[in-house]
Amino acid sequence: MQKDERKPGPGPGSESVAAAPGAGALRDRIADAVREAGGWLPFDRYMEMALYTPGLGYYANDSLKFGTMPGSGSDFVTAPELSPLFGRTVARQVRQMMVESGTAEVWEFGAGAGTLAVQLLSALGTALLSYHIVDLSGVLRERQRERILAEAPEFADKVQWHDRLPDEMRGIVVGNEVLDAMPVKLLHFDGTHWFERGVRVEGAGFAWEDRPTGLRPPFEGPFLPGTVTEVHPHAEAFVRTLGQVLVRGGALLIDYGFPEAEYYHPQRAGGTLMCHRAHRADPDPLEDPGLKDITAHVNFTGIAVAAQESGFDVIGYASQGRFLLNTGILDLLPAASEDAAADAQRLRQVAMVHKLVNEHEMGELFKVLALARGFEMAPMGFAQGDRTHLL
């Protein structure tokens, strides 16, 4: 589902915002920032405030975000929430990377509700020296702690939390749906010139405003008149910084996205920016800031180039479906049983695995990028269907 990028939203003066605790305060905070910036705020700064303002932004407030059913009050589902087999399968690749790199630590970025952490801790067990979670949200860190204590208490003493990168790291980095939540810059092409899209205050809400810019997409095009697209300086800077502090180890970055040629294809002239709330998508990030997720697909070519520039080797790039099949997710499915309840549970697991690997579900849209620093290996997750040559 793509956004209609040229329609500004009604802004956060609506009933839903007024009724939500903290939403009005965030609106005011963003409006103040716009005025302090001279009346115009680049979209990446707006997105950063809408998602991460302490206590008020979407990922910093106490709303429920992750879950499998709309009735639970959650906004979206991630792969670990669909099936515990996702984390158990990813753990196979993590374990191989740990062995080959001679490291025994895992660093998870943006651990959400702690679901993937529980799965990796349980699967890796005593092979782990320590498990580090880097998350800016104090609310989410507390939920992660509660989840781990409830579901993997025997490994709780291995877990440490951080709100920023350390000066030096060794181990395997895991990031599932982290890059897509990093702020992006929006660019608009009128057929002749490029403009940066930003935000101004309009009445009780916000509206789009474009300004001339020297920024360009990292791709020659062609671009259709009216194109609105994203560039990803924050995600690329994150990977470069990771390369500076990771002395030895690797990374598995799992997210939805495309290589550069597909990302900036003329058929994607509306860009990829999207919002999620109550398991529904909408194209308007200016409406109800702080009450919904704002996300953009990942340009994996840009991430791979940034990784190489910071000293990483790119050792694999594949669809999530192919990666999970290569690492043996089907082997983890329980055998058929004559017990009706057990077989019903097995069939539910089979259905969830189909969602994870099938091309028309999550299997093709989501990709896995593997990076290594200080060691060489042939990762099992990319034994077949590796697409590194397409980056």
Protein backbone atom coordinates (compact mmCIF):
# COMPACT_ATOMS: atom_id res chain seq x y z
CA MET A 1 0.00 0.00 0.00
CA GLN A 2 1.53 3.30 -1.08
CA LYS A 3 0.80 6.74 0.19
CA ASP A 4 -0.80 9.67 -1.59
CA GLU A 5 2.06 11.93 -0.68
CA ARG A 6 0.56 15.16 -2.00
CA LYS A 7 -2.40 15.34 0.38
CA PRO A 8 -1.56 17.00 3.70
CA GLY A 9 -3.38 15.51 6.63
CA PRO A 10 -5.98 17.31 8.71
CA GLY A 11 -3.37 17.69 11.43
CA PRO A 12 -3.48 16.78 15.09
CA GLY A 13 -6.39 18.99 16.05
CA SER A 14 -8.83 16.13 15.66
CA GLU A 15 -10.94 14.48 18.36
CA SER A 16 -8.64 11.43 18.55
CA VAL A 17 -5.67 13.63 19.39
CA ALA A 18 -7.54 15.79 21.86
CA ALA A 19 -8.80 12.71 23.67
CA ALA A 20 -5.41 11.02 23.94
CA PRO A 21 -3.27 11.83 27.00
CA GLY A 22 -0.06 13.55 25.94
CA ALA A 23 -1.05 13.95 22.28
CA GLY A 24 -1.79 17.65 22.65
CA ALA A 25 1.50 18.17 24.47
CA LEU A 26 3.43 16.50 21.65
CA ARG A 27 1.58 18.57 19.06
CA ASP A 28 2.54 21.71 20.96
CA ARG A 29 6.13 20.56 21.33
CA ILE A 30 6.44 19.97 17.57
CA ALA A 31 4.72 23.28 16.78
CA ASP A 32 7.19 25.09 19.04
CA ALA A 33 10.07 23.37 17.23
CA VAL A 34 8.66 24.49 13.86
CA ARG A 35 8.45 28.10 15.04
CA GLU A 36 11.93 28.00 16.57
CA ALA A 37 13.27 26.72 13.23
CA GLY A 38 11.81 29.73 11.43
CA GLY A 39 8.46 28.27 10.45
CA TRP A 40 9.63 25.16 8.63
CA LEU A 41 10.90 21.84 9.98
CA PRO A 42 12.53 19.16 7.77
CA PHE A 43 10.43 16.01 7.76
CA ASP A 44 13.14 13.86 9.32
CA ARG A 45 13.14 16.13 12.37
CA TYR A 46 9.33 15.99 12.53
CA MET A 47 9.42 12.18 12.28
CA GLU A 48 12.07 11.97 14.99
CA MET A 49 9.94 14.05 17.36
CA ALA A 50 6.72 12.18 16.52
CA LEU A 51 8.35 8.83 17.27
CA TYR A 52 10.94 9.49 19.97
CA THR A 53 10.15 12.60 22.04
CA PRO A 54 10.66 11.32 25.63
CA GLY A 55 7.38 10.32 27.23
CA LEU A 56 5.29 11.58 24.30
CA GLY A 57 6.54 10.13 21.00
CA TYR A 58 5.06 6.95 19.62
CA TYR A 59 7.93 4.71 20.73
CA ALA A 60 8.42 6.60 23.99
CA ASN A 61 4.85 6.57 25.32
CA ASP A 62 3.05 3.71 27.07
CA SER A 63 0.60 2.70 24.31
CA LEU A 64 0.48 -0.94 23.23
CA LYS A 65 2.22 -1.35 19.89
CA PHE A 66 3.07 -4.98 19.15
CA GLY A 67 0.52 -7.77 18.91
CA THR A 68 -1.13 -10.25 16.60
CA MET A 69 -4.77 -9.19 16.81
CA PRO A 70 -6.38 -5.75 16.36
CA GLY A 71 -8.68 -6.52 19.29
CA SER A 72 -5.70 -6.55 21.63
CA GLY A 73 -5.25 -2.81 21.17
CA SER A 74 -1.95 -3.25 19.30
CA ASP A 75 -1.03 -1.43 16.10
CA PHE A 76 0.94 -3.97 14.06
CA VAL A 77 2.48 -7.42 14.11
CA THR A 78 6.13 -8.35 13.65
CA ALA A 79 7.58 -11.71 12.64
CA PRO A 80 8.55 -12.81 16.18
CA GLU A 81 4.97 -12.16 17.32
CA LEU A 82 3.64 -14.44 14.58
CA SER A 83 5.64 -17.50 15.53
CA PRO A 84 8.37 -18.49 18.01
CA LEU A 85 9.91 -20.44 15.14
CA PHE A 86 11.08 -17.14 13.64
CA GLY A 87 13.46 -16.44 16.50
CA ARG A 88 14.54 -20.06 16.81
CA THR A 89 15.45 -20.07 13.12
CA VAL A 90 17.28 -16.74 13.25
CA ALA A 91 19.19 -18.16 16.23
CA ARG A 92 20.69 -20.83 13.99
CA GLN A 93 22.31 -18.16 11.84
CA VAL A 94 23.34 -16.15 14.89
CA ARG A 95 24.97 -19.23 16.43
CA GLN A 96 26.95 -19.94 13.25
CA MET A 97 28.15 -16.31 13.16
CA MET A 98 29.12 -16.48 16.84
CA VAL A 99 31.17 -19.62 16.27
CA GLU A 100 32.90 -18.32 13.14
CA SER A 101 33.68 -14.93 14.69
CA GLY A 102 34.74 -16.36 18.05
CA THR A 103 32.29 -14.14 19.94
CA ALA A 104 29.61 -14.96 22.52
CA GLU A 105 27.52 -11.80 22.80
CA VAL A 106 24.34 -10.70 21.03
CA TRP A 107 23.34 -7.05 20.66
CA GLU A 108 19.69 -6.50 19.75
CA PHE A 109 18.60 -3.05 18.63
CA GLY A 110 14.99 -1.94 19.06
CA ALA A 111 13.78 -5.07 20.86
CA GLY A 112 10.11 -4.05 20.85
CA ALA A 113 8.10 -6.06 23.34
CA GLY A 114 11.02 -8.44 23.99
CA THR A 115 9.55 -11.30 21.98
CA LEU A 116 12.57 -11.90 19.76
CA ALA A 117 14.89 -11.56 22.77
CA VAL A 118 13.04 -14.37 24.55
CA GLN A 119 13.26 -16.57 21.46
CA LEU A 120 16.97 -15.96 20.91
CA LEU A 121 17.85 -16.36 24.58
CA SER A 122 15.96 -19.65 24.78
CA ALA A 123 17.49 -20.99 21.55
CA LEU A 124 21.09 -19.90 22.18
CA GLY A 125 21.10 -20.73 25.88
CA THR A 126 24.52 -21.41 27.37
CA ALA A 127 26.28 -20.44 24.13
CA LEU A 128 25.61 -16.84 25.14
CA LEU A 129 27.91 -14.98 27.46
CA SER A 130 25.61 -11.94 27.50
CA TYR A 131 22.64 -10.45 25.66
CA HIS A 132 22.54 -6.69 25.20
CA ILE A 133 19.43 -4.68 24.29
CA VAL A 134 19.87 -1.15 22.97
CA ASP A 135 16.57 0.73 23.16
CA LEU A 136 15.83 4.43 23.65
CA SER A 137 12.39 3.83 25.16
CA GLY A 138 12.26 3.38 28.93
CA VAL A 139 8.69 2.10 28.61
CA LEU A 140 9.73 -0.60 26.15
CA ARG A 141 12.79 -1.54 28.21
CA GLU A 142 10.52 -2.23 31.18
CA ARG A 143 8.17 -4.34 29.07
CA GLN A 144 11.13 -6.28 27.71
CA ARG A 145 12.39 -6.92 31.23
CA GLU A 146 8.98 -8.20 32.33
CA ARG A 147 8.68 -10.43 29.28
CA ILE A 148 12.10 -11.98 29.76
CA LEU A 149 11.53 -12.58 33.48
CA ALA A 150 8.19 -14.25 32.70
CA GLU A 151 9.23 -16.41 29.74
CA ALA A 152 13.00 -16.93 30.00
CA PRO A 153 13.84 -16.34 33.67
CA GLU A 154 16.82 -18.71 33.59
CA PHE A 155 18.59 -16.34 31.19
CA ALA A 156 17.52 -13.02 32.71
CA ASP A 157 20.87 -12.49 34.38
CA LYS A 158 22.56 -12.50 30.95
CA VAL A 159 20.57 -9.48 29.76
CA GLN A 160 21.83 -5.90 29.94
CA TRP A 161 20.08 -2.74 28.71
CA HIS A 162 21.66 0.30 27.07
CA ASP A 163 20.22 3.58 25.83
CA ARG A 164 23.12 4.28 23.48
CA LEU A 165 25.95 2.54 21.68
CA PRO A 166 29.00 1.65 23.76
CA ASP A 167 32.46 2.77 22.73
CA GLU A 168 33.40 -0.77 21.74
CA MET A 169 31.43 -3.94 20.92
CA ARG A 170 32.12 -7.57 20.08
CA GLY A 171 29.43 -10.00 19.04
CA ILE A 172 26.48 -10.37 16.69
CA VAL A 173 24.06 -7.50 16.14
CA VAL A 174 20.41 -8.30 15.43
CA GLY A 175 17.99 -5.68 14.19
CA ASN A 176 14.47 -6.76 13.24
CA GLU A 177 12.41 -3.87 11.84
CA VAL A 178 14.77 -1.24 13.23
CA LEU A 179 15.97 0.58 10.11
CA ASP A 180 12.43 1.29 8.86
CA ALA A 181 11.68 3.30 12.01
CA MET A 182 14.65 5.65 11.59
CA PRO A 183 13.77 9.17 10.37
CA VAL A 184 13.93 9.80 6.64
CA LYS A 185 14.20 12.93 4.54
CA LEU A 186 11.46 13.49 1.97
CA LEU A 187 12.29 14.78 -1.51
CA HIS A 188 9.84 16.07 -4.14
CA PHE A 189 10.66 16.35 -7.86
CA ASP A 190 8.56 18.75 -9.96
CA GLY A 191 9.98 17.53 -13.25
CA THR A 192 12.86 19.99 -13.28
CA HIS A 193 14.01 20.67 -9.72
CA TRP A 194 14.25 18.77 -6.44
CA PHE A 195 12.74 20.11 -3.23
CA GLU A 196 12.98 18.95 0.37
CA ARG A 197 9.58 18.40 1.92
CA GLY A 198 9.06 19.73 5.41
CA VAL A 199 6.36 20.72 7.84
CA ARG A 200 4.80 24.04 8.79
CA VAL A 201 2.13 24.90 11.34
CA GLU A 202 -1.34 25.37 9.88
CA GLY A 203 -4.16 26.16 12.28
CA ALA A 204 -4.29 23.49 14.97
CA GLY A 205 -2.26 21.08 12.91
CA PHE A 206 0.49 20.81 10.32
CA ALA A 207 0.82 20.99 6.54
CA TRP A 208 3.48 20.18 3.95
CA GLU A 209 5.81 22.78 2.54
CA ASP A 210 8.57 22.19 -0.02
CA ARG A 211 11.82 24.15 -0.19
CA PRO A 212 14.65 24.04 -2.76
CA THR A 213 17.45 21.65 -1.86
CA GLY A 214 20.75 20.33 -3.08
CA LEU A 215 19.80 16.85 -1.90
CA ARG A 216 19.19 14.15 -4.50
CA PRO A 217 18.27 10.47 -4.38
CA PRO A 218 21.38 8.25 -4.71
CA PHE A 219 20.14 7.05 -8.09
CA GLU A 220 20.10 8.67 -11.54
CA GLY A 221 16.48 7.82 -12.29
CA PRO A 222 14.55 8.57 -14.44
CA PHE A 223 12.11 10.24 -12.04
CA LEU A 224 8.59 11.19 -13.02
CA PRO A 225 7.32 14.74 -12.39
CA GLY A 226 5.53 14.76 -9.05
CA THR A 227 7.74 12.04 -7.55
CA VAL A 228 8.00 12.06 -3.76
CA THR A 229 10.60 9.71 -2.30
CA GLU A 230 12.84 9.19 0.70
CA VAL A 231 16.55 9.28 1.41
CA HIS A 232 17.97 7.61 4.52
CA PRO A 233 20.87 9.53 6.10
CA HIS A 234 19.93 8.44 9.65
CA ALA A 235 19.87 4.69 8.89
CA GLU A 236 23.10 4.92 6.92
CA ALA A 237 24.76 6.92 9.71
CA PHE A 238 23.64 4.26 12.20
CA VAL A 239 25.35 1.53 10.17
CA ARG A 240 28.52 3.62 9.82
CA THR A 241 28.60 4.20 13.57
CA LEU A 242 28.05 0.50 14.15
CA GLY A 243 31.05 -0.19 11.97
CA GLN A 244 33.16 2.13 14.08
CA VAL A 245 32.35 0.48 17.42
CA LEU A 246 32.00 -3.20 16.42
CA VAL A 247 35.57 -4.44 16.74
CA ARG A 248 34.77 -8.03 15.76
CA GLY A 249 31.49 -9.69 14.89
CA GLY A 250 28.60 -9.36 12.50
CA ALA A 251 25.09 -8.11 11.97
CA LEU A 252 21.76 -9.44 10.77
CA LEU A 253 19.42 -6.65 9.66
CA ILE A 254 15.88 -7.77 8.83
CA ASP A 255 13.39 -5.34 7.36
CA TYR A 256 11.07 -4.56 4.49
CA GLY A 257 12.70 -2.84 1.56
CA PHE A 258 14.38 -3.07 -1.81
CA PRO A 259 17.71 -2.62 -3.57
CA GLU A 260 18.25 0.87 -4.96
CA ALA A 261 17.06 0.23 -8.53
CA GLU A 262 13.73 -1.10 -7.23
CA TYR A 263 13.40 1.52 -4.50
CA TYR A 264 13.60 4.41 -6.95
CA HIS A 265 11.71 2.73 -9.80
CA PRO A 266 9.21 5.05 -11.58
CA GLN A 267 6.35 2.79 -10.46
CA ARG A 268 7.20 3.76 -6.88
CA ALA A 269 6.84 7.50 -7.56
CA GLY A 270 4.69 7.97 -4.47
CA GLY A 271 7.45 6.81 -2.15
CA THR A 272 7.11 4.28 0.66
CA LEU A 273 6.25 6.41 3.70
CA MET A 274 3.38 4.88 5.66
CA CYS A 275 1.72 4.97 9.08
CA HIS A 276 0.27 2.09 11.10
CA ARG A 277 -2.37 2.10 13.81
CA ALA A 278 -4.80 -0.62 14.97
CA HIS A 279 -3.49 -2.94 12.22
CA ARG A 280 -4.48 -0.46 9.53
CA ALA A 281 -2.21 1.56 7.28
CA ASP A 282 -2.69 5.18 6.36
CA PRO A 283 -0.56 7.61 4.32
CA ASP A 284 -0.71 10.71 6.53
CA PRO A 285 2.09 11.21 9.07
CA LEU A 286 0.87 14.72 9.88
CA GLU A 287 -2.31 13.45 11.49
CA ASP A 288 -2.20 12.34 15.13
CA PRO A 289 1.59 12.44 15.74
CA GLY A 290 2.57 10.20 18.62
CA LEU A 291 -0.47 7.98 18.22
CA LYS A 292 0.75 5.85 15.31
CA ASP A 293 3.87 4.41 13.80
CA ILE A 294 5.59 6.24 10.94
CA THR A 295 7.78 4.10 8.74
CA ALA A 296 9.54 3.90 5.39
CA HIS A 297 10.95 0.97 3.46
CA VAL A 298 14.70 0.44 3.51
CA ASN A 299 17.05 1.17 0.62
CA PHE A 300 19.29 -1.85 1.19
CA THR A 301 21.84 -0.68 -1.38
CA GLY A 302 22.46 2.47 0.67
CA ILE A 303 22.78 0.40 3.84
CA ALA A 304 25.20 -2.02 2.20
CA VAL A 305 27.38 0.81 0.83
CA ALA A 306 27.45 2.52 4.23
CA ALA A 307 28.42 -0.80 5.82
CA GLN A 308 31.29 -1.36 3.39
CA GLU A 309 32.53 2.20 3.89
CA SER A 310 32.72 1.55 7.64
CA GLY A 311 34.72 -1.66 7.33
CA PHE A 312 32.04 -4.36 7.09
CA ASP A 313 31.95 -7.12 4.50
CA VAL A 314 28.51 -7.80 3.03
CA ILE A 315 28.22 -11.59 3.31
CA GLY A 316 24.57 -12.12 2.36
CA TYR A 317 21.38 -10.50 1.13
CA ALA A 318 18.21 -12.50 0.53
CA SER A 319 14.48 -12.46 0.95
CA GLN A 320 13.23 -13.37 4.40
CA GLY A 321 11.47 -16.39 2.98
CA ARG A 322 14.61 -17.79 1.40
CA PHE A 323 16.68 -16.99 4.50
CA LEU A 324 14.27 -18.84 6.82
CA LEU A 325 14.07 -21.85 4.51
CA ASN A 326 17.86 -21.99 4.23
CA THR A 327 18.23 -21.92 8.01
CA GLY A 328 15.75 -24.76 8.44
CA ILE A 329 12.49 -23.31 9.68
CA LEU A 330 10.57 -26.26 8.24
CA ASP A 331 12.68 -28.65 10.32
CA LEU A 332 11.38 -26.97 13.47
CA LEU A 333 7.73 -27.65 12.72
CA PRO A 334 6.26 -30.39 14.95
CA ALA A 335 5.29 -33.70 13.39
CA ALA A 336 1.67 -34.58 12.78
CA SER A 337 -0.08 -36.00 15.81
CA GLU A 338 -3.11 -38.17 16.42
CA ASP A 339 -3.98 -35.91 19.34
CA ALA A 340 -6.55 -33.41 18.03
CA ALA A 341 -5.43 -30.51 20.20
CA ALA A 342 -1.76 -31.04 19.40
CA ASP A 343 -2.44 -31.32 15.69
CA ALA A 344 -4.55 -28.16 15.74
CA GLN A 345 -1.63 -26.35 17.34
CA ARG A 346 0.71 -27.76 14.68
CA LEU A 347 -1.57 -26.50 11.91
CA ARG A 348 -1.60 -23.04 13.46
CA GLN A 349 2.20 -23.06 13.46
CA VAL A 350 2.24 -24.19 9.83
CA ALA A 351 -0.06 -21.31 8.90
CA MET A 352 2.19 -18.79 10.62
CA VAL A 353 5.29 -20.18 8.91
CA HIS A 354 3.50 -19.76 5.58
CA LYS A 355 3.03 -16.07 6.42
CA LEU A 356 6.72 -15.74 7.21
CA VAL A 357 8.06 -17.40 4.04
CA ASN A 358 5.45 -17.07 1.28
CA GLU A 359 6.16 -14.45 -1.37
CA HIS A 360 2.67 -12.91 -1.19
CA GLU A 361 2.94 -12.56 2.59
CA MET A 362 6.13 -11.45 4.42
CA GLY A 363 8.55 -13.75 2.61
CA GLU A 364 9.43 -11.48 -0.33
CA LEU A 365 8.86 -7.94 0.94
CA PHE A 366 11.14 -8.51 3.93
CA LYS A 367 14.86 -8.92 3.30
CA VAL A 368 17.83 -10.03 5.40
CA LEU A 369 21.21 -8.34 5.11
CA ALA A 370 24.22 -10.00 6.76
CA LEU A 371 27.43 -8.15 7.59
CA ALA A 372 30.77 -9.34 9.01
CA ARG A 373 33.81 -7.62 10.44
CA GLY A 374 37.08 -9.34 11.30
CA PHE A 375 36.20 -12.82 10.04
CA GLU A 376 35.10 -14.71 6.94
CA MET A 377 32.28 -17.23 6.57
CA ALA A 378 29.66 -18.66 4.25
CA PRO A 379 26.42 -18.03 6.19
CA MET A 380 23.83 -20.80 5.97
CA GLY A 381 20.94 -18.38 5.55
CA PHE A 382 22.17 -17.39 2.09
CA ALA A 383 23.24 -20.76 0.71
CA GLN A 384 20.53 -20.49 -1.95
CA GLY A 385 18.86 -17.39 -3.33
CA ASP A 386 21.56 -14.90 -2.34
CA ARG A 387 20.94 -11.53 -4.04
CA THR A 388 24.04 -9.62 -3.01
CA HIS A 389 24.81 -9.02 -6.68
CA LEU A 390 21.59 -6.99 -6.99
CA LEU A 391 22.55 -4.44 -4.36
